[in-house]
Protein backbone atom coordinates (compact mmCIF):
# COMPACT_ATOMS: atom_id res chain seq x y z
CA UNK A 1 83.24 112.81 98.63
CA UNK A 2 82.67 112.92 94.88
CA UNK A 3 81.62 109.28 94.85
CA UNK A 4 79.20 109.81 97.71
CA UNK A 5 77.61 112.76 95.93
CA UNK A 6 77.02 110.58 92.84
CA UNK A 7 75.71 107.62 94.84
CA UNK A 8 72.00 108.64 94.84
CA UNK A 9 72.06 109.14 91.07
CA UNK A 10 73.78 105.80 90.48
CA UNK A 11 71.37 103.99 92.80
CA UNK A 12 68.36 105.51 91.06
CA UNK A 13 69.53 104.20 87.68
CA UNK A 14 70.34 100.78 89.11
CA UNK A 15 67.38 100.36 91.47
CA UNK A 16 66.20 97.09 89.89
CA UNK A 17 69.67 95.59 90.14
CA UNK A 18 70.05 96.68 93.75
CA UNK A 19 66.56 95.49 94.69
CA UNK A 20 67.05 92.03 93.23
CA UNK A 21 70.49 91.70 94.82
CA UNK A 22 68.96 92.47 98.20
CA UNK A 23 66.01 90.12 97.60
CA UNK A 24 68.26 87.11 97.00
CA UNK A 25 70.02 87.43 100.37
CA UNK A 26 67.15 85.93 102.47
CA UNK A 27 66.85 83.10 99.94
CA UNK A 28 70.58 82.41 100.20
CA UNK A 29 70.30 82.50 104.00
CA UNK A 30 67.61 79.83 103.78
CA UNK A 31 69.80 77.70 101.49
CA UNK A 32 72.86 77.96 103.74
CA UNK A 33 70.76 77.09 106.80
CA UNK A 34 71.06 73.47 105.64
CA UNK A 35 74.74 73.54 106.67
CA UNK A 36 75.83 76.92 108.04
CA UNK A 37 79.24 75.68 109.17
CA UNK A 38 80.47 74.31 105.83
CA UNK A 39 77.94 75.60 103.27
CA UNK A 40 76.51 73.64 100.36
CA UNK A 41 79.71 73.27 98.31
CA UNK A 42 81.30 75.18 95.47
CA UNK A 43 78.71 76.49 92.98
CA UNK A 44 76.06 74.12 94.35
CA UNK A 45 73.55 76.70 95.54
CA UNK A 46 72.88 77.69 91.93
CA UNK A 47 70.99 74.39 91.50
CA UNK A 48 68.80 75.05 94.56
CA UNK A 49 67.71 78.57 93.60
CA UNK A 50 64.90 77.51 91.21
CA UNK A 51 63.13 76.05 94.25
CA UNK A 52 62.60 79.57 95.62
CA UNK A 53 60.35 82.38 94.44
CA UNK A 54 62.20 85.47 93.25
CA UNK A 55 59.74 88.17 92.17
CA UNK A 56 57.24 85.55 91.06
CA UNK A 57 59.72 83.49 89.07
CA UNK A 58 61.42 80.21 89.84
CA UNK A 59 64.74 80.67 88.07
CA UNK A 60 68.41 79.98 88.65
CA UNK A 61 70.24 83.00 89.97
CA UNK A 62 73.38 84.01 91.78
CA UNK A 63 74.02 86.72 94.33
CA UNK A 64 76.49 88.96 92.47
CA UNK A 65 78.24 89.30 95.83
CA UNK A 66 81.43 87.36 96.55
CA UNK A 67 80.87 87.41 100.30
CA UNK A 68 77.35 86.00 100.06
CA UNK A 69 78.64 83.37 97.60
CA UNK A 70 81.49 82.47 99.93
CA UNK A 71 79.22 82.01 102.94
CA UNK A 72 76.66 79.92 101.03
CA UNK A 73 79.28 77.78 99.29
CA UNK A 74 81.81 77.30 102.11
CA UNK A 75 79.86 78.30 105.21
CA UNK A 76 81.13 80.26 108.15
CA UNK A 77 84.32 78.18 108.25
CA UNK A 78 85.18 79.20 104.70
CA UNK A 79 84.40 82.84 105.41
CA UNK A 80 86.62 82.86 108.50
CA UNK A 81 89.46 81.32 106.48
CA UNK A 82 88.99 83.92 103.73
CA UNK A 83 89.03 86.78 106.26
CA UNK A 84 92.16 85.23 107.79
CA UNK A 85 93.78 85.16 104.33
CA UNK A 86 92.91 88.83 103.73
CA UNK A 87 94.19 89.77 107.18
CA UNK A 88 97.50 87.97 106.55
CA UNK A 89 97.92 89.69 103.18
CA UNK A 90 97.13 93.04 104.78
CA UNK A 91 99.58 92.40 107.62
CA UNK A 92 102.32 91.42 105.15
CA UNK A 93 101.70 94.54 103.04
CA UNK A 94 101.66 96.85 106.04
CA UNK A 95 104.85 95.29 107.44
CA UNK A 96 106.58 95.65 104.07
CA UNK A 97 105.80 99.38 103.99
CA UNK A 98 108.31 99.94 106.81
CA UNK A 99 110.90 97.44 105.52
CA UNK A 100 111.32 98.20 101.83
CA UNK A 101 113.36 101.14 100.62
CA UNK A 102 111.93 103.77 98.23
CA UNK A 103 111.58 103.50 94.50
CA UNK A 104 109.70 100.70 92.81
CA UNK A 105 109.38 98.50 95.92
CA UNK A 106 107.51 101.00 98.06
CA UNK A 107 105.38 102.04 95.09
CA UNK A 108 104.52 98.38 94.48
CA UNK A 109 103.58 97.81 98.12
CA UNK A 110 101.40 100.94 98.21
CA UNK A 111 99.79 99.97 94.91
CA UNK A 112 99.12 96.45 96.19
CA UNK A 113 97.52 97.86 99.34
CA UNK A 114 95.27 100.11 97.25
CA UNK A 115 94.45 97.24 94.89
CA UNK A 116 93.72 94.94 97.82
CA UNK A 117 91.32 97.45 99.35
CA UNK A 118 89.69 97.84 95.94
CA UNK A 119 89.31 94.05 95.67
CA UNK A 120 87.67 93.92 99.10
CA UNK A 121 85.14 96.59 98.09
CA UNK A 122 84.39 95.30 94.58
CA UNK A 123 83.67 91.83 95.99
CA UNK A 124 80.44 93.30 97.43
CA UNK A 125 79.37 94.41 93.96
CA UNK A 126 79.98 91.36 91.81
CA UNK A 127 82.00 88.29 91.08
CA UNK A 128 85.27 89.99 90.19
CA UNK A 129 87.49 88.66 93.00
CA UNK A 130 86.30 85.05 93.19
CA UNK A 131 84.36 84.51 89.95
CA UNK A 132 81.17 82.48 90.04
CA UNK A 133 81.39 80.13 87.09
CA UNK A 134 77.65 80.22 86.31
CA UNK A 135 77.66 84.01 86.06
CA UNK A 136 80.93 85.11 84.49
CA UNK A 137 82.09 81.74 83.21
CA UNK A 138 85.65 80.52 83.12
CA UNK A 139 86.67 83.66 81.22
CA UNK A 140 86.01 85.64 84.40
CA UNK A 141 89.07 84.11 86.00
CA UNK A 142 91.36 86.13 83.75
CA UNK A 143 89.82 89.29 85.21
CA UNK A 144 90.28 88.23 88.83
CA UNK A 145 93.69 86.61 88.57
CA UNK A 146 95.50 89.92 88.00
CA UNK A 147 94.63 91.23 91.47
CA UNK A 148 95.73 88.00 93.12
CA UNK A 149 99.02 88.01 91.18
CA UNK A 150 99.79 91.54 92.35
CA UNK A 151 99.05 90.54 95.95
CA UNK A 152 101.28 87.50 95.45
CA UNK A 153 104.03 89.89 94.39
CA UNK A 154 104.11 91.05 98.00
CA UNK A 155 105.44 87.62 98.97
CA UNK A 156 108.18 88.00 96.35
CA UNK A 157 109.15 91.37 97.80
CA UNK A 158 109.13 89.92 101.30
CA UNK A 159 111.42 87.08 100.21
CA UNK A 160 113.75 89.46 98.36
CA UNK A 161 113.97 91.67 101.42
CA UNK A 162 114.54 88.78 103.84
CA UNK A 163 117.38 87.32 101.71
CA UNK A 164 119.03 90.70 101.06
CA UNK A 165 119.17 91.55 104.78
CA UNK A 166 120.85 88.24 105.67
CA UNK A 167 123.82 88.83 103.35
């Protein structure tokens, strides 16, 4: 509720950023129309963007939206696979909530669920989950890898639980 009450104020200070992010979406849709099933390849759309007019300029740009990047780069097939991955991680986390016993394990699972939801949301706002090399650079991977490592920890917990119940 607090975040929603601040939303108009935040949007008014970031109106240029929001407007340009929305203006690139039709351009990206035109680029991906070349191959909607498989996209144009990893980081390739960046080289096509100067061919399109963005507010009177012909410049290279990126979407600052991981989902738009994913669709343009890997197409609908890549997006379906990514959603499948997120669904599997979510299913694993939710299943572990009922299997692990209190203490650190349940706290880790709940934290990973919260972090996973946060990753899903923040991917709409920038390149923090799957960094776009032309925006953040290779250094951006150190920011995104932490979330993926914590989600990978769910697999470790699942394996620990499955081996401890067999003994």
